[in-house]
Amino acid sequence: MKSDRHEKIKELIKDNEIETQEELAEALKKAGFEVTQATVSRDIRELKLFKASTDGNMRKYVFPFSQEAVSNEKYVHVLKEGFVSMECACNILVIKTVPGMAMAVCAAVDALELPEIIGTIAGDDTIMAATAGERHAGDLLDKLKKIIM
């Protein structure tokens, strides 16, 4: 049921200009899904949908890191602007950022879909990027240095 709903949400987001959770809930109801606002909110979070401006004015839900919303260049720009330093700690790459920028930089790192990364966690000025092993952490450090420099 949930997977069917998620597939329908993806279809609705792709084919329609959905600006609010209420609009998404209404579209799901029209498609035969019984949903509450809490369910729609949870689905948006699980699918990692976010709002982006596609025409300079209107903000609509888009898929994570959709080329429709932003390009890799913008992620690289965020990464460069927020980056302070990085260091390997076993299989974890610790990335220090400007205070308040860790979540944005972390989203940018995630958007690059680097295969070395298993998962990331962001605080206020620190990101922890988990990798499969020390070698992967070192490879990730090298890749990010090339992107930043």
C-alpha atoms as a PDB file:
ATOM      1  CA  MET A   1       0.000   0.000   0.000  1.00  0.00           C
ATOM      2  CA  LYS A   2       2.693   2.491   1.021  1.00  0.00           C
ATOM      3  CA  SER A   3       4.870   1.594  -1.952  1.00  0.00           C
ATOM      4  CA  ASP A   4       1.877   2.046  -4.280  1.00  0.00           C
ATOM      5  CA  ARG A   5       1.198   5.438  -2.692  1.00  0.00           C
ATOM      6  CA  HIS A   6       4.845   6.439  -3.057  1.00  0.00           C
ATOM      7  CA  GLU A   7       4.794   5.469  -6.735  1.00  0.00           C
ATOM      8  CA  LYS A   8       1.635   7.531  -7.235  1.00  0.00           C
ATOM      9  CA  ILE A   9       3.250  10.498  -5.460  1.00  0.00           C
ATOM     10  CA  LYS A  10       6.257  10.270  -7.775  1.00  0.00           C
ATOM     11  CA  GLU A  11       3.930  10.215 -10.763  1.00  0.00           C
ATOM     12  CA  LEU A  12       1.888  13.151  -9.463  1.00  0.00           C
ATOM     13  CA  ILE A  13       4.979  15.236  -8.718  1.00  0.00           C
ATOM     14  CA  LYS A  14       6.425  14.490 -12.144  1.00  0.00           C
ATOM     15  CA  ASP A  15       3.239  15.269 -14.061  1.00  0.00           C
ATOM     16  CA  ASN A  16       1.779  18.166 -12.036  1.00  0.00           C
ATOM     17  CA  GLU A  17       2.757  21.466 -10.456  1.00  0.00           C
ATOM     18  CA  ILE A  18       2.102  20.581  -6.796  1.00  0.00           C
ATOM     19  CA  GLU A  19       2.910  23.431  -4.435  1.00  0.00           C
ATOM     20  CA  THR A  20       1.444  22.292  -1.101  1.00  0.00           C
ATOM     21  CA  GLN A  21       0.874  19.196   0.999  1.00  0.00           C
ATOM     22  CA  GLU A  22      -2.837  19.884   0.743  1.00  0.00           C
ATOM     23  CA  GLU A  23      -2.678  19.790  -3.058  1.00  0.00           C
ATOM     24  CA  LEU A  24      -0.767  16.518  -2.915  1.00  0.00           C
ATOM     25  CA  ALA A  25      -3.258  15.018  -0.437  1.00  0.00           C
ATOM     26  CA  GLU A  26      -6.157  16.062  -2.661  1.00  0.00           C
ATOM     27  CA  ALA A  27      -4.504  14.564  -5.758  1.00  0.00           C
ATOM     28  CA  LEU A  28      -3.897  11.308  -3.870  1.00  0.00           C
ATOM     29  CA  LYS A  29      -7.524  11.204  -2.725  1.00  0.00           C
ATOM     30  CA  LYS A  30      -8.682  11.707  -6.325  1.00  0.00           C
ATOM     31  CA  ALA A  31      -6.432   8.791  -7.281  1.00  0.00           C
ATOM     32  CA  GLY A  32      -8.176   6.587  -4.716  1.00  0.00           C
ATOM     33  CA  PHE A  33      -5.779   6.789  -1.764  1.00  0.00           C
ATOM     34  CA  GLU A  34      -7.139   7.540   1.707  1.00  0.00           C
ATOM     35  CA  VAL A  35      -4.521   9.826   3.280  1.00  0.00           C
ATOM     36  CA  THR A  36      -4.205  12.297   6.120  1.00  0.00           C
ATOM     37  CA  GLN A  37      -2.001  15.376   6.227  1.00  0.00           C
ATOM     38  CA  ALA A  38       0.343  13.497   8.592  1.00  0.00           C
ATOM     39  CA  THR A  39       0.667  10.622   6.097  1.00  0.00           C
ATOM     40  CA  VAL A  40       1.423  13.013   3.245  1.00  0.00           C
ATOM     41  CA  SER A  41       3.979  14.850   5.379  1.00  0.00           C
ATOM     42  CA  ARG A  42       5.680  11.570   6.282  1.00  0.00           C
ATOM     43  CA  ASP A  43       5.662  10.445   2.629  1.00  0.00           C
ATOM     44  CA  ILE A  44       7.263  13.724   1.546  1.00  0.00           C
ATOM     45  CA  ARG A  45       9.982  13.239   4.143  1.00  0.00           C
ATOM     46  CA  GLU A  46      10.558   9.573   3.218  1.00  0.00           C
ATOM     47  CA  LEU A  47      10.741  10.361  -0.496  1.00  0.00           C
ATOM     48  CA  LYS A  48      13.034  13.314   0.310  1.00  0.00           C
ATOM     49  CA  LEU A  49      10.922  15.654  -1.789  1.00  0.00           C
ATOM     50  CA  PHE A  50      11.626  19.326  -1.436  1.00  0.00           C
ATOM     51  CA  LYS A  51      10.291  22.553  -2.821  1.00  0.00           C
ATOM     52  CA  ALA A  52      12.208  24.337  -5.510  1.00  0.00           C
ATOM     53  CA  SER A  53      11.574  27.244  -7.787  1.00  0.00           C
ATOM     54  CA  THR A  54      11.505  26.111 -11.381  1.00  0.00           C
ATOM     55  CA  ASP A  55      10.458  29.382 -12.982  1.00  0.00           C
ATOM     56  CA  GLY A  56      11.868  31.933 -10.556  1.00  0.00           C
ATOM     57  CA  ASN A  57       8.531  32.425  -8.792  1.00  0.00           C
ATOM     58  CA  MET A  58       6.470  29.309  -8.162  1.00  0.00           C
ATOM     59  CA  ARG A  59       7.807  26.749  -5.694  1.00  0.00           C
ATOM     60  CA  LYS A  60       6.701  23.179  -6.271  1.00  0.00           C
ATOM     61  CA  TYR A  61       7.637  19.768  -4.951  1.00  0.00           C
ATOM     62  CA  VAL A  62      10.451  18.117  -6.859  1.00  0.00           C
ATOM     63  CA  PHE A  63      12.449  14.935  -6.537  1.00  0.00           C
ATOM     64  CA  PRO A  64      15.696  15.038  -4.603  1.00  0.00           C
ATOM     65  CA  PHE A  65      18.454  16.568  -6.654  1.00  0.00           C
ATOM     66  CA  SER A  66      16.316  16.791  -9.739  1.00  0.00           C
ATOM     67  CA  GLN A  67      18.097  18.385 -12.666  1.00  0.00           C
ATOM     68  CA  GLU A  68      14.848  20.265 -13.171  1.00  0.00           C
ATOM     69  CA  ALA A  69      15.408  22.096  -9.875  1.00  0.00           C
ATOM     70  CA  VAL A  70      19.156  22.544  -9.659  1.00  0.00           C
ATOM     71  CA  SER A  71      22.344  21.423 -11.341  1.00  0.00           C
ATOM     72  CA  ASN A  72      25.484  19.825  -9.927  1.00  0.00           C
ATOM     73  CA  GLU A  73      27.199  23.193 -10.336  1.00  0.00           C
ATOM     74  CA  LYS A  74      24.955  24.649  -7.658  1.00  0.00           C
ATOM     75  CA  TYR A  75      25.806  21.796  -5.294  1.00  0.00           C
ATOM     76  CA  VAL A  76      29.501  22.303  -5.934  1.00  0.00           C
ATOM     77  CA  HIS A  77      29.041  26.015  -5.241  1.00  0.00           C
ATOM     78  CA  VAL A  78      27.343  25.267  -1.884  1.00  0.00           C
ATOM     79  CA  LEU A  79      30.092  22.795  -1.046  1.00  0.00           C
ATOM     80  CA  LYS A  80      32.818  25.334  -1.815  1.00  0.00           C
ATOM     81  CA  GLU A  81      31.084  28.161   0.056  1.00  0.00           C
ATOM     82  CA  GLY A  82      30.471  26.184   3.231  1.00  0.00           C
ATOM     83  CA  PHE A  83      33.623  24.057   3.361  1.00  0.00           C
ATOM     84  CA  VAL A  84      36.270  24.684   6.040  1.00  0.00           C
ATOM     85  CA  SER A  85      38.274  21.437   6.371  1.00  0.00           C
ATOM     86  CA  MET A  86      38.088  17.631   6.319  1.00  0.00           C
ATOM     87  CA  GLU A  87      39.869  14.748   7.931  1.00  0.00           C
ATOM     88  CA  CYS A  88      39.561  10.959   7.875  1.00  0.00           C
ATOM     89  CA  ALA A  89      38.796   9.071  11.082  1.00  0.00           C
ATOM     90  CA  CYS A  90      38.917   5.373  10.167  1.00  0.00           C
ATOM     91  CA  ASN A  91      36.001   4.804   7.795  1.00  0.00           C
ATOM     92  CA  ILE A  92      34.438   8.227   8.458  1.00  0.00           C
ATOM     93  CA  LEU A  93      35.244  11.446   6.673  1.00  0.00           C
ATOM     94  CA  VAL A  94      34.650  14.379   9.030  1.00  0.00           C
ATOM     95  CA  ILE A  95      33.893  17.580   7.137  1.00  0.00           C
ATOM     96  CA  LYS A  96      33.955  20.915   8.992  1.00  0.00           C
ATOM     97  CA  THR A  97      31.832  23.740   7.595  1.00  0.00           C
ATOM     98  CA  VAL A  98      31.056  27.357   8.276  1.00  0.00           C
ATOM     99  CA  PRO A  99      28.695  27.482  11.306  1.00  0.00           C
ATOM    100  CA  GLY A 100      25.111  26.817  10.236  1.00  0.00           C
ATOM    101  CA  MET A 101      26.097  25.403   6.838  1.00  0.00           C
ATOM    102  CA  ALA A 102      26.551  21.701   7.600  1.00  0.00           C
ATOM    103  CA  MET A 103      23.060  20.661   6.496  1.00  0.00           C
ATOM    104  CA  ALA A 104      23.322  22.515   3.192  1.00  0.00           C
ATOM    105  CA  VAL A 105      26.820  21.200   2.501  1.00  0.00           C
ATOM    106  CA  CYS A 106      25.696  17.703   3.497  1.00  0.00           C
ATOM    107  CA  ALA A 107      22.776  17.907   1.048  1.00  0.00           C
ATOM    108  CA  ALA A 108      25.226  19.024  -1.635  1.00  0.00           C
ATOM    109  CA  VAL A 109      27.558  16.110  -0.880  1.00  0.00           C
ATOM    110  CA  ASP A 110      24.594  13.703  -0.978  1.00  0.00           C
ATOM    111  CA  ALA A 111      23.472  15.194  -4.294  1.00  0.00           C
ATOM    112  CA  LEU A 112      26.795  14.328  -5.868  1.00  0.00           C
ATOM    113  CA  GLU A 113      25.921  10.658  -5.265  1.00  0.00           C
ATOM    114  CA  LEU A 114      29.512   9.635  -4.617  1.00  0.00           C
ATOM    115  CA  PRO A 115      29.703   5.816  -4.454  1.00  0.00           C
ATOM    116  CA  GLU A 116      32.085   5.813  -1.477  1.00  0.00           C
ATOM    117  CA  ILE A 117      29.413   7.259   0.818  1.00  0.00           C
ATOM    118  CA  ILE A 118      27.171   4.871   2.716  1.00  0.00           C
ATOM    119  CA  GLY A 119      25.437   7.639   4.656  1.00  0.00           C
ATOM    120  CA  THR A 120      25.859  11.140   6.046  1.00  0.00           C
ATOM    121  CA  ILE A 121      24.890  12.997   9.208  1.00  0.00           C
ATOM    122  CA  ALA A 122      25.028  16.772   9.615  1.00  0.00           C
ATOM    123  CA  GLY A 123      25.091  18.959  12.700  1.00  0.00           C
ATOM    124  CA  ASP A 124      25.593  22.711  12.774  1.00  0.00           C
ATOM    125  CA  ASP A 125      29.163  22.880  11.467  1.00  0.00           C
ATOM    126  CA  THR A 126      30.210  19.237  11.144  1.00  0.00           C
ATOM    127  CA  ILE A 127      29.327  16.437   8.746  1.00  0.00           C
ATOM    128  CA  MET A 128      30.156  12.786   9.230  1.00  0.00           C
ATOM    129  CA  ALA A 129      30.225  10.787   5.992  1.00  0.00           C
ATOM    130  CA  ALA A 130      30.392   7.043   6.641  1.00  0.00           C
ATOM    131  CA  THR A 131      32.170   4.852   4.113  1.00  0.00           C
ATOM    132  CA  ALA A 132      32.698   1.088   3.817  1.00  0.00           C
ATOM    133  CA  GLY A 133      36.315   1.310   4.974  1.00  0.00           C
ATOM    134  CA  GLU A 134      39.378   3.464   5.538  1.00  0.00           C
ATOM    135  CA  ARG A 135      40.426   3.219   1.897  1.00  0.00           C
ATOM    136  CA  HIS A 136      36.996   4.482   0.803  1.00  0.00           C
ATOM    137  CA  ALA A 137      37.230   7.383   3.251  1.00  0.00           C
ATOM    138  CA  GLY A 138      40.594   8.340   1.762  1.00  0.00           C
ATOM    139  CA  ASP A 139      39.215   8.067  -1.781  1.00  0.00           C
ATOM    140  CA  LEU A 140      36.269  10.251  -0.772  1.00  0.00           C
ATOM    141  CA  LEU A 141      38.610  12.836   0.754  1.00  0.00           C
ATOM    142  CA  ASP A 142      40.606  12.946  -2.506  1.00  0.00           C
ATOM    143  CA  LYS A 143      37.465  13.322  -4.645  1.00  0.00           C
ATOM    144  CA  LEU A 144      36.069  16.123  -2.530  1.00  0.00           C
ATOM    145  CA  LYS A 145      39.426  17.940  -2.539  1.00  0.00           C
ATOM    146  CA  LYS A 146      39.380  17.866  -6.353  1.00  0.00           C
ATOM    147  CA  ILE A 147      35.851  19.253  -6.388  1.00  0.00           C
ATOM    148  CA  ILE A 148      36.610  22.010  -3.868  1.00  0.00           C
ATOM    149  CA  MET A 149      39.972  23.087  -5.238  1.00  0.00           C
END
